[in-house]
PDB file of N, CA and C in Angstrom:
ATOM      1  N   MET A   1      32.203 104.586  13.594  1.00  0.00           N
ATOM      2  CA  MET A   1      31.811 104.470  12.202  1.00  0.00           C
ATOM      3  C   MET A   1      32.417 103.224  11.555  1.00  0.00           C
ATOM      4  N   ALA A   2      32.859 102.267  12.329  1.00  0.00           N
ATOM      5  CA  ALA A   2      33.550 101.114  11.773  1.00  0.00           C
ATOM      6  C   ALA A   2      32.602 100.036  11.260  1.00  0.00           C
ATOM      7  N   LEU A   3      31.362 100.039  11.692  1.00  0.00           N
ATOM      8  CA  LEU A   3      30.446  99.002  11.260  1.00  0.00           C
ATOM      9  C   LEU A   3      30.132  99.142   9.779  1.00  0.00           C
ATOM     10  N   PHE A   4      29.953  98.010   9.111  1.00  0.00           N
ATOM     11  CA  PHE A   4      29.718  98.012   7.678  1.00  0.00           C
ATOM     12  C   PHE A   4      28.474  98.825   7.311  1.00  0.00           C
ATOM     13  N   MET A   5      27.409  98.657   8.064  1.00  0.00           N
ATOM     14  CA  MET A   5      26.171  99.372   7.733  1.00  0.00           C
ATOM     15  C   MET A   5      26.359 100.884   7.842  1.00  0.00           C
ATOM     16  N   GLU A   6      27.157 101.326   8.812  1.00  0.00           N
ATOM     17  CA  GLU A   6      27.407 102.756   8.936  1.00  0.00           C
ATOM     18  C   GLU A   6      28.287 103.254   7.797  1.00  0.00           C
ATOM     19  N   ARG A   7      29.176 102.415   7.298  1.00  0.00           N
ATOM     20  CA  ARG A   7      30.081 102.809   6.214  1.00  0.00           C
ATOM     21  C   ARG A   7      29.348 102.938   4.888  1.00  0.00           C
ATOM     22  N   THR A   8      28.193 102.293   4.780  1.00  0.00           N
ATOM     23  CA  THR A   8      27.472 102.347   3.510  1.00  0.00           C
ATOM     24  C   THR A   8      26.419 103.439   3.478  1.00  0.00           C
ATOM     25  N   LYS A   9      26.317 104.216   4.546  1.00  0.00           N
ATOM     26  CA  LYS A   9      25.301 105.266   4.545  1.00  0.00           C
ATOM     27  C   LYS A   9      25.655 106.329   3.512  1.00  0.00           C
ATOM     28  N   VAL A  10      24.639 106.829   2.864  1.00  0.00           N
ATOM     29  CA  VAL A  10      24.832 107.835   1.830  1.00  0.00           C
ATOM     30  C   VAL A  10      24.549 109.199   2.441  1.00  0.00           C
ATOM     31  N   MET A  11      25.490 110.094   2.287  1.00  0.00           N
ATOM     32  CA  MET A  11      25.322 111.442   2.818  1.00  0.00           C
ATOM     33  C   MET A  11      24.654 112.321   1.769  1.00  0.00           C
ATOM     34  N   GLU A  12      23.997 113.346   2.253  1.00  0.00           N
ATOM     35  CA  GLU A  12      23.410 114.329   1.345  1.00  0.00           C
ATOM     36  C   GLU A  12      24.531 115.075   0.625  1.00  0.00           C
ATOM     37  N   PRO A  13      24.233 115.651  -0.528  1.00  0.00           N
ATOM     38  CA  PRO A  13      25.268 116.452  -1.199  1.00  0.00           C
ATOM     39  C   PRO A  13      25.697 117.615  -0.292  1.00  0.00           C
ATOM     40  N   MET A  14      26.943 117.984  -0.401  1.00  0.00           N
ATOM     41  CA  MET A  14      27.466 119.058   0.438  1.00  0.00           C
ATOM     42  C   MET A  14      26.841 120.390   0.036  1.00  0.00           C
ATOM     43  N   LYS A  15      26.360 121.105   1.043  1.00  0.00           N
ATOM     44  CA  LYS A  15      25.834 122.442   0.807  1.00  0.00           C
ATOM     45  C   LYS A  15      26.927 123.441   1.166  1.00  0.00           C
ATOM     46  N   PRO A  16      27.266 124.340   0.247  1.00  0.00           N
ATOM     47  CA  PRO A  16      28.338 125.304   0.525  1.00  0.00           C
ATOM     48  C   PRO A  16      28.016 126.160   1.750  1.00  0.00           C
ATOM     49  N   MET A  17      29.066 126.466   2.514  1.00  0.00           N
ATOM     50  CA  MET A  17      28.941 127.332   3.674  1.00  0.00           C
ATOM     51  C   MET A  17      29.840 128.552   3.451  1.00  0.00           C
ATOM     52  N   PRO A  18      29.510 129.672   4.080  1.00  0.00           N
ATOM     53  CA  PRO A  18      30.310 130.888   3.871  1.00  0.00           C
ATOM     54  C   PRO A  18      31.780 130.751   4.284  1.00  0.00           C
ATOM     55  N   ASP A  19      32.075 129.870   5.245  1.00  0.00           N
ATOM     56  CA  ASP A  19      33.454 129.752   5.719  1.00  0.00           C
ATOM     57  C   ASP A  19      34.206 128.578   5.098  1.00  0.00           C
ATOM     58  N   ASP A  20      33.725 128.043   3.981  1.00  0.00           N
ATOM     59  CA  ASP A  20      34.389 126.904   3.341  1.00  0.00           C
ATOM     60  C   ASP A  20      35.787 127.241   2.821  1.00  0.00           C
ATOM     61  N   ASP A  21      36.088 128.521   2.620  1.00  0.00           N
ATOM     62  CA  ASP A  21      37.408 128.894   2.120  1.00  0.00           C
ATOM     63  C   ASP A  21      38.417 129.151   3.247  1.00  0.00           C
ATOM     64  N   MET A  22      38.011 128.918   4.498  1.00  0.00           N
ATOM     65  CA  MET A  22      38.900 129.113   5.633  1.00  0.00           C
ATOM     66  C   MET A  22      39.959 128.014   5.649  1.00  0.00           C
ATOM     67  N   ILE A  23      41.229 128.414   5.792  1.00  0.00           N
ATOM     68  CA  ILE A  23      42.331 127.458   5.851  1.00  0.00           C
ATOM     69  C   ILE A  23      42.311 126.771   7.211  1.00  0.00           C
ATOM     70  N   ILE A  24      42.249 125.445   7.211  1.00  0.00           N
ATOM     71  CA  ILE A  24      42.275 124.650   8.440  1.00  0.00           C
ATOM     72  C   ILE A  24      43.688 124.130   8.682  1.00  0.00           C
ATOM     73  N   CYS A  25      44.304 123.571   7.661  1.00  0.00           N
ATOM     74  CA  CYS A  25      45.674 123.062   7.773  1.00  0.00           C
ATOM     75  C   CYS A  25      46.599 124.047   7.060  1.00  0.00           C
ATOM     76  N   ARG A  26      47.335 124.818   7.853  1.00  0.00           N
ATOM     77  CA  ARG A  26      48.218 125.833   7.272  1.00  0.00           C
ATOM     78  C   ARG A  26      49.418 125.212   6.569  1.00  0.00           C
ATOM     79  N   CYS A  27      49.903 124.100   7.073  1.00  0.00           N
ATOM     80  CA  CYS A  27      51.081 123.466   6.463  1.00  0.00           C
ATOM     81  C   CYS A  27      50.789 122.986   5.043  1.00  0.00           C
ATOM     82  N   GLU A  28      49.634 122.393   4.841  1.00  0.00           N
ATOM     83  CA  GLU A  28      49.270 121.824   3.539  1.00  0.00           C
ATOM     84  C   GLU A  28      48.260 122.683   2.784  1.00  0.00           C
ATOM     85  N   GLU A  29      47.849 123.818   3.377  1.00  0.00           N
ATOM     86  CA  GLU A  29      46.900 124.760   2.778  1.00  0.00           C
ATOM     87  C   GLU A  29      45.584 124.084   2.385  1.00  0.00           C
ATOM     88  N   ILE A  30      44.975 123.411   3.339  1.00  0.00           N
ATOM     89  CA  ILE A  30      43.723 122.704   3.106  1.00  0.00           C
ATOM     90  C   ILE A  30      42.603 123.493   3.756  1.00  0.00           C
ATOM     91  N   THR A  31      41.519 123.679   3.003  1.00  0.00           N
ATOM     92  CA  THR A  31      40.404 124.484   3.487  1.00  0.00           C
ATOM     93  C   THR A  31      39.334 123.625   4.155  1.00  0.00           C
ATOM     94  N   LYS A  32      38.472 124.291   4.875  1.00  0.00           N
ATOM     95  CA  LYS A  32      37.345 123.619   5.505  1.00  0.00           C
ATOM     96  C   LYS A  32      36.455 122.979   4.441  1.00  0.00           C
ATOM     97  N   GLY A  33      36.262 123.664   3.334  1.00  0.00           N
ATOM     98  CA  GLY A  33      35.440 123.124   2.249  1.00  0.00           C
ATOM     99  C   GLY A  33      36.003 121.844   1.665  1.00  0.00           C
ATOM    100  N   GLU A  34      37.324 121.758   1.544  1.00  0.00           N
ATOM    101  CA  GLU A  34      37.954 120.541   1.030  1.00  0.00           C
ATOM    102  C   GLU A  34      37.746 119.376   1.994  1.00  0.00           C
ATOM    103  N   ILE A  35      37.839 119.658   3.285  1.00  0.00           N
ATOM    104  CA  ILE A  35      37.615 118.609   4.283  1.00  0.00           C
ATOM    105  C   ILE A  35      36.164 118.171   4.257  1.00  0.00           C
ATOM    106  N   ARG A  36      35.249 119.119   4.222  1.00  0.00           N
ATOM    107  CA  ARG A  36      33.819 118.784   4.178  1.00  0.00           C
ATOM    108  C   ARG A  36      33.491 117.977   2.922  1.00  0.00           C
ATOM    109  N   GLN A  37      34.066 118.362   1.783  1.00  0.00           N
ATOM    110  CA  GLN A  37      33.806 117.629   0.538  1.00  0.00           C
ATOM    111  C   GLN A  37      34.322 116.205   0.632  1.00  0.00           C
ATOM    112  N   ALA A  38      35.481 116.013   1.242  1.00  0.00           N
ATOM    113  CA  ALA A  38      36.032 114.659   1.415  1.00  0.00           C
ATOM    114  C   ALA A  38      35.094 113.799   2.251  1.00  0.00           C
ATOM    115  N   ILE A  39      34.516 114.379   3.292  1.00  0.00           N
ATOM    116  CA  ILE A  39      33.575 113.637   4.139  1.00  0.00           C
ATOM    117  C   ILE A  39      32.344 113.250   3.339  1.00  0.00           C
ATOM    118  N   HIS A  40      31.838 114.177   2.564  1.00  0.00           N
ATOM    119  CA  HIS A  40      30.649 113.882   1.754  1.00  0.00           C
ATOM    120  C   HIS A  40      30.965 112.920   0.609  1.00  0.00           C
ATOM    121  N   ASP A  41      32.237 112.786   0.272  1.00  0.00           N
ATOM    122  CA  ASP A  41      32.653 111.811  -0.745  1.00  0.00           C
ATOM    123  C   ASP A  41      32.870 110.422  -0.160  1.00  0.00           C
ATOM    124  N   GLY A  42      32.707 110.277   1.178  1.00  0.00           N
ATOM    125  CA  GLY A  42      32.772 108.949   1.782  1.00  0.00           C
ATOM    126  C   GLY A  42      33.936 108.694   2.715  1.00  0.00           C
ATOM    127  N   MET A  43      34.709 109.706   3.049  1.00  0.00           N
ATOM    128  CA  MET A  43      35.823 109.523   3.985  1.00  0.00           C
ATOM    129  C   MET A  43      35.324 109.838   5.386  1.00  0.00           C
ATOM    130  N   TYR A  44      35.045 108.792   6.165  1.00  0.00           N
ATOM    131  CA  TYR A  44      34.383 108.954   7.459  1.00  0.00           C
ATOM    132  C   TYR A  44      35.311 108.805   8.655  1.00  0.00           C
ATOM    133  N   THR A  45      36.627 108.696   8.440  1.00  0.00           N
ATOM    134  CA  THR A  45      37.554 108.578   9.566  1.00  0.00           C
ATOM    135  C   THR A  45      38.677 109.594   9.404  1.00  0.00           C
ATOM    136  N   MET A  46      39.334 109.879  10.525  1.00  0.00           N
ATOM    137  CA  MET A  46      40.454 110.812  10.506  1.00  0.00           C
ATOM    138  C   MET A  46      41.582 110.280   9.611  1.00  0.00           C
ATOM    139  N   ASN A  47      41.842 108.981   9.668  1.00  0.00           N
ATOM    140  CA  ASN A  47      42.912 108.399   8.855  1.00  0.00           C
ATOM    141  C   ASN A  47      42.627 108.518   7.366  1.00  0.00           C
ATOM    142  N   GLU A  48      41.375 108.303   6.966  1.00  0.00           N
ATOM    143  CA  GLU A  48      41.043 108.432   5.544  1.00  0.00           C
ATOM    144  C   GLU A  48      41.246 109.857   5.066  1.00  0.00           C
ATOM    145  N   ILE A  49      40.783 110.804   5.846  1.00  0.00           N
ATOM    146  CA  ILE A  49      40.940 112.207   5.467  1.00  0.00           C
ATOM    147  C   ILE A  49      42.421 112.559   5.385  1.00  0.00           C
ATOM    148  N   LYS A  50      43.197 112.103   6.360  1.00  0.00           N
ATOM    149  CA  LYS A  50      44.634 112.392   6.381  1.00  0.00           C
ATOM    150  C   LYS A  50      45.335 111.809   5.159  1.00  0.00           C
ATOM    151  N   ARG A  51      44.992 110.603   4.785  1.00  0.00           N
ATOM    152  CA  ARG A  51      45.661 109.952   3.656  1.00  0.00           C
ATOM    153  C   ARG A  51      45.294 110.563   2.312  1.00  0.00           C
ATOM    154  N   PHE A  52      44.052 111.001   2.165  1.00  0.00           N
ATOM    155  CA  PHE A  52      43.610 111.455   0.852  1.00  0.00           C
ATOM    156  C   PHE A  52      43.792 112.944   0.604  1.00  0.00           C
ATOM    157  N   ILE A  53      43.616 113.783   1.630  1.00  0.00           N
ATOM    158  CA  ILE A  53      43.803 115.216   1.363  1.00  0.00           C
ATOM    159  C   ILE A  53      44.921 115.836   2.187  1.00  0.00           C
ATOM    160  N   ARG A  54      45.580 115.066   3.062  1.00  0.00           N
ATOM    161  CA  ARG A  54      46.819 115.390   3.734  1.00  0.00           C
ATOM    162  C   ARG A  54      46.789 116.399   4.889  1.00  0.00           C
ATOM    163  N   PRO A  55      45.686 116.679   5.556  1.00  0.00           N
ATOM    164  CA  PRO A  55      45.824 117.531   6.740  1.00  0.00           C
ATOM    165  C   PRO A  55      46.576 116.755   7.814  1.00  0.00           C
ATOM    166  N   GLY A  56      47.478 117.416   8.509  1.00  0.00           N
ATOM    167  CA  GLY A  56      48.255 116.743   9.542  1.00  0.00           C
ATOM    168  C   GLY A  56      49.515 116.082   9.036  1.00  0.00           C
ATOM    169  N   MET A  57      49.851 116.288   7.769  1.00  0.00           N
ATOM    170  CA  MET A  57      51.053 115.656   7.228  1.00  0.00           C
ATOM    171  C   MET A  57      52.144 116.679   6.930  1.00  0.00           C
ATOM    172  N   GLY A  58      51.940 117.907   7.364  1.00  0.00           N
ATOM    173  CA  GLY A  58      52.946 118.950   7.154  1.00  0.00           C
ATOM    174  C   GLY A  58      53.931 118.997   8.306  1.00  0.00           C
ATOM    175  N   LEU A  59      54.592 120.123   8.444  1.00  0.00           N
ATOM    176  CA  LEU A  59      55.629 120.278   9.456  1.00  0.00           C
ATOM    177  C   LEU A  59      55.113 120.102  10.878  1.00  0.00           C
ATOM    178  N   CYS A  60      53.888 120.527  11.150  1.00  0.00           N
ATOM    179  CA  CYS A  60      53.384 120.448  12.531  1.00  0.00           C
ATOM    180  C   CYS A  60      52.834 119.069  12.873  1.00  0.00           C
ATOM    181  N   GLN A  61      52.716 118.180  11.878  1.00  0.00           N
ATOM    182  CA  GLN A  61      52.217 116.818  12.093  1.00  0.00           C
ATOM    183  C   GLN A  61      50.839 116.794  12.767  1.00  0.00           C
ATOM    184  N   GLY A  62      49.977 117.764  12.423  1.00  0.00           N
ATOM    185  CA  GLY A  62      48.612 117.782  12.930  1.00  0.00           C
ATOM    186  C   GLY A  62      48.440 118.446  14.279  1.00  0.00           C
ATOM    187  N   GLN A  63      49.507 119.019  14.831  1.00  0.00           N
ATOM    188  CA  GLN A  63      49.400 119.664  16.134  1.00  0.00           C
ATOM    189  C   GLN A  63      48.517 120.911  16.066  1.00  0.00           C
ATOM    190  N   SER A  64      48.479 121.574  14.916  1.00  0.00           N
ATOM    191  CA  SER A  64      47.654 122.777  14.767  1.00  0.00           C
ATOM    192  C   SER A  64      46.261 122.478  14.238  1.00  0.00           C
ATOM    193  N   CYS A  65      46.154 121.558  13.308  1.00  0.00           N
ATOM    194  CA  CYS A  65      44.885 121.353  12.614  1.00  0.00           C
ATOM    195  C   CYS A  65      44.109 120.120  13.052  1.00  0.00           C
ATOM    196  N   GLY A  66      44.740 119.188  13.733  1.00  0.00           N
ATOM    197  CA  GLY A  66      44.092 117.913  14.054  1.00  0.00           C
ATOM    198  C   GLY A  66      42.759 118.062  14.758  1.00  0.00           C
ATOM    199  N   ILE A  67      42.698 118.903  15.775  1.00  0.00           N
ATOM    200  CA  ILE A  67      41.455 119.076  16.532  1.00  0.00           C
ATOM    201  C   ILE A  67      40.371 119.715  15.676  1.00  0.00           C
ATOM    202  N   HIS A  68      40.763 120.608  14.770  1.00  0.00           N
ATOM    203  CA  HIS A  68      39.785 121.263  13.900  1.00  0.00           C
ATOM    204  C   HIS A  68      39.206 120.282  12.874  1.00  0.00           C
ATOM    205  N   VAL A  69      40.075 119.451  12.324  1.00  0.00           N
ATOM    206  CA  VAL A  69      39.611 118.433  11.374  1.00  0.00           C
ATOM    207  C   VAL A  69      38.641 117.485  12.075  1.00  0.00           C
ATOM    208  N   LYS A  70      38.962 117.105  13.299  1.00  0.00           N
ATOM    209  CA  LYS A  70      38.100 116.197  14.057  1.00  0.00           C
ATOM    210  C   LYS A  70      36.738 116.839  14.333  1.00  0.00           C
ATOM    211  N   ARG A  71      36.727 118.109  14.666  1.00  0.00           N
ATOM    212  CA  ARG A  71      35.452 118.807  14.917  1.00  0.00           C
ATOM    213  C   ARG A  71      34.613 118.910  13.653  1.00  0.00           C
ATOM    214  N   ILE A  72      35.252 119.191  12.531  1.00  0.00           N
ATOM    215  CA  ILE A  72      34.526 119.268  11.256  1.00  0.00           C
ATOM    216  C   ILE A  72      33.945 117.903  10.917  1.00  0.00           C
ATOM    217  N   LEU A  73      34.735 116.853  11.068  1.00  0.00           N
ATOM    218  CA  LEU A  73      34.272 115.485  10.790  1.00  0.00           C
ATOM    219  C   LEU A  73      33.084 115.135  11.676  1.00  0.00           C
ATOM    220  N   ALA A  74      33.170 115.430  12.960  1.00  0.00           N
ATOM    221  CA  ALA A  74      32.083 115.123  13.895  1.00  0.00           C
ATOM    222  C   ALA A  74      30.824 115.903  13.535  1.00  0.00           C
ATOM    223  N   ALA A  75      30.978 117.163  13.187  1.00  0.00           N
ATOM    224  CA  ALA A  75      29.817 117.981  12.832  1.00  0.00           C
ATOM    225  C   ALA A  75      29.132 117.464  11.566  1.00  0.00           C
ATOM    226  N   GLU A  76      29.918 117.107  10.572  1.00  0.00           N
ATOM    227  CA  GLU A  76      29.341 116.619   9.316  1.00  0.00           C
ATOM    228  C   GLU A  76      28.658 115.262   9.489  1.00  0.00           C
ATOM    229  N   LEU A  77      29.222 114.420  10.357  1.00  0.00           N
ATOM    230  CA  LEU A  77      28.632 113.093  10.584  1.00  0.00           C
ATOM    231  C   LEU A  77      27.546 113.106  11.652  1.00  0.00           C
ATOM    232  N   GLY A  78      27.453 114.199  12.405  1.00  0.00           N
ATOM    233  CA  GLY A  78      26.451 114.296  13.460  1.00  0.00           C
ATOM    234  C   GLY A  78      26.760 113.417  14.651  1.00  0.00           C
ATOM    235  N   VAL A  79      28.050 113.312  15.006  1.00  0.00           N
ATOM    236  CA  VAL A  79      28.465 112.507  16.156  1.00  0.00           C
ATOM    237  C   VAL A  79      29.276 113.369  17.115  1.00  0.00           C
ATOM    238  N   ASN A  80      29.522 112.834  18.287  1.00  0.00           N
ATOM    239  CA  ASN A  80      30.347 113.502  19.278  1.00  0.00           C
ATOM    240  C   ASN A  80      31.823 113.324  18.885  1.00  0.00           C
ATOM    241  N   PRO A  81      32.640 114.384  18.926  1.00  0.00           N
ATOM    242  CA  PRO A  81      34.054 114.229  18.570  1.00  0.00           C
ATOM    243  C   PRO A  81      34.775 113.168  19.403  1.00  0.00           C
ATOM    244  N   ALA A  82      34.347 112.962  20.638  1.00  0.00           N
ATOM    245  CA  ALA A  82      34.986 111.952  21.496  1.00  0.00           C
ATOM    246  C   ALA A  82      34.745 110.533  20.980  1.00  0.00           C
ATOM    247  N   ASP A  83      33.712 110.339  20.171  1.00  0.00           N
ATOM    248  CA  ASP A  83      33.401 109.019  19.633  1.00  0.00           C
ATOM    249  C   ASP A  83      34.262 108.652  18.424  1.00  0.00           C
ATOM    250  N   LEU A  84      34.988 109.613  17.879  1.00  0.00           N
ATOM    251  CA  LEU A  84      35.814 109.359  16.697  1.00  0.00           C
ATOM    252  C   LEU A  84      37.188 108.845  17.101  1.00  0.00           C
ATOM    253  N   GLU A  85      37.709 107.930  16.312  1.00  0.00           N
ATOM    254  CA  GLU A  85      39.050 107.407  16.567  1.00  0.00           C
ATOM    255  C   GLU A  85      40.090 108.459  16.221  1.00  0.00           C
ATOM    256  N   GLU A  86      41.182 108.437  16.971  1.00  0.00           N
ATOM    257  CA  GLU A  86      42.288 109.349  16.689  1.00  0.00           C
ATOM    258  C   GLU A  86      43.027 108.883  15.441  1.00  0.00           C
ATOM    259  N   CYS A  87      43.772 109.789  14.852  1.00  0.00           N
ATOM    260  CA  CYS A  87      44.619 109.460  13.714  1.00  0.00           C
ATOM    261  C   CYS A  87      45.772 108.583  14.173  1.00  0.00           C
ATOM    262  N   THR A  88      46.195 107.695  13.317  1.00  0.00           N
ATOM    263  CA  THR A  88      47.360 106.880  13.619  1.00  0.00           C
ATOM    264  C   THR A  88      48.595 107.765  13.525  1.00  0.00           C
ATOM    265  N   ALA A  89      49.348 107.842  14.606  1.00  0.00           N
ATOM    266  CA  ALA A  89      50.548 108.690  14.622  1.00  0.00           C
ATOM    267  C   ALA A  89      51.743 107.902  14.099  1.00  0.00           C
ATOM    268  N   ARG A  90      52.501 108.558  13.282  1.00  0.00           N
ATOM    269  CA  ARG A  90      53.725 107.965  12.753  1.00  0.00           C
ATOM    270  C   ARG A  90      54.823 109.007  12.817  1.00  0.00           C
ATOM    271  N   ALA A  91      56.019 108.550  13.061  1.00  0.00           N
ATOM    272  CA  ALA A  91      57.155 109.473  13.115  1.00  0.00           C
ATOM    273  C   ALA A  91      57.445 110.009  11.716  1.00  0.00           C
ATOM    274  N   PRO A  92      57.790 111.276  11.618  1.00  0.00           N
ATOM    275  CA  PRO A  92      58.139 111.813  10.298  1.00  0.00           C
ATOM    276  C   PRO A  92      59.416 111.156   9.780  1.00  0.00           C
ATOM    277  N   MET A  93      59.445 110.857   8.529  1.00  0.00           N
ATOM    278  CA  MET A  93      60.605 110.206   7.915  1.00  0.00           C
ATOM    279  C   MET A  93      61.151 111.113   6.827  1.00  0.00           C
ATOM    280  N   ARG A  94      62.455 111.020   6.628  1.00  0.00           N
ATOM    281  CA  ARG A  94      63.055 111.727   5.508  1.00  0.00           C
ATOM    282  C   ARG A  94      64.212 110.882   4.984  1.00  0.00           C
ATOM    283  N   PRO A  95      64.496 110.996   3.709  1.00  0.00           N
ATOM    284  CA  PRO A  95      65.567 110.175   3.143  1.00  0.00           C
ATOM    285  C   PRO A  95      66.931 110.586   3.689  1.00  0.00           C
ATOM    286  N   ILE A  96      67.812 109.598   3.835  1.00  0.00           N
ATOM    287  CA  ILE A  96      69.199 109.862   4.231  1.00  0.00           C
ATOM    288  C   ILE A  96      70.119 109.106   3.286  1.00  0.00           C
ATOM    289  N   ALA A  97      71.344 109.558   3.223  1.00  0.00           N
ATOM    290  CA  ALA A  97      72.335 108.901   2.360  1.00  0.00           C
ATOM    291  C   ALA A  97      72.708 107.544   2.949  1.00  0.00           C
ATOM    292  N   LEU A  98      73.058 106.586   2.101  1.00  0.00           N
ATOM    293  CA  LEU A  98      73.459 105.263   2.568  1.00  0.00           C
ATOM    294  C   LEU A  98      74.683 105.333   3.473  1.00  0.00           C
ATOM    295  N   GLU A  99      75.564 106.274   3.193  1.00  0.00           N
ATOM    296  CA  GLU A  99      76.749 106.436   4.030  1.00  0.00           C
ATOM    297  C   GLU A  99      76.345 106.749   5.470  1.00  0.00           C
ATOM    298  N   ASP A 100      75.355 107.620   5.632  1.00  0.00           N
ATOM    299  CA  ASP A 100      74.894 107.990   6.960  1.00  0.00           C
ATOM    300  C   ASP A 100      74.197 106.832   7.642  1.00  0.00           C
ATOM    301  N   ALA A 101      73.484 106.022   6.893  1.00  0.00           N
ATOM    302  CA  ALA A 101      72.788 104.876   7.475  1.00  0.00           C
ATOM    303  C   ALA A 101      73.785 103.858   8.015  1.00  0.00           C
ATOM    304  N   SER A 102      74.884 103.681   7.312  1.00  0.00           N
ATOM    305  CA  SER A 102      75.890 102.724   7.805  1.00  0.00           C
ATOM    306  C   SER A 102      76.555 103.232   9.083  1.00  0.00           C
ATOM    307  N   LYS A 103      76.662 104.530   9.260  1.00  0.00           N
ATOM    308  CA  LYS A 103      77.251 105.093  10.464  1.00  0.00           C
ATOM    309  C   LYS A 103      76.346 104.866  11.682  1.00  0.00           C
ATOM    310  N   ILE A 104      75.040 104.792  11.443  1.00  0.00           N
ATOM    311  CA  ILE A 104      74.089 104.559  12.538  1.00  0.00           C
ATOM    312  C   ILE A 104      74.331 103.187  13.138  1.00  0.00           C
ATOM    313  N   ASN A 105      74.563 102.185  12.311  1.00  0.00           N
ATOM    314  CA  ASN A 105      74.810 100.818  12.792  1.00  0.00           C
ATOM    315  C   ASN A 105      76.116 100.695  13.563  1.00  0.00           C
ATOM    316  N   GLU A 106      77.088 101.539  13.238  1.00  0.00           N
ATOM    317  CA  GLU A 106      78.385 101.490  13.901  1.00  0.00           C
ATOM    318  C   GLU A 106      78.311 102.032  15.331  1.00  0.00           C
ATOM    319  N   GLN A 107      77.374 102.910  15.571  1.00  0.00           N
ATOM    320  CA  GLN A 107      77.281 103.545  16.888  1.00  0.00           C
ATOM    321  C   GLN A 107      76.642 102.664  17.850  1.00  0.00           C
TER     322      GLN A 107
END
């Protein structure tokens, strides 16, 4: 979906489905309907969905929900899940005290 012409395609309005209230990302409490709506709003890659509605950014880092988000994205776009790019993986970060950071350099 990286080509400019594919990025400008207009999707039909989202039609509600009975399972739209199903939780896909348990860490961030994101539903299938929220993911589908994001796709219909123009987010056509795993990275865009991750950045804007946060599936895969909780404690499990997408280990539980990543494959489900990818399947939903592929189904909505009408493509094979294998054709979609994977999400960019990044190590989880958390703030530390400056005192602790200086100890890291000493070791």
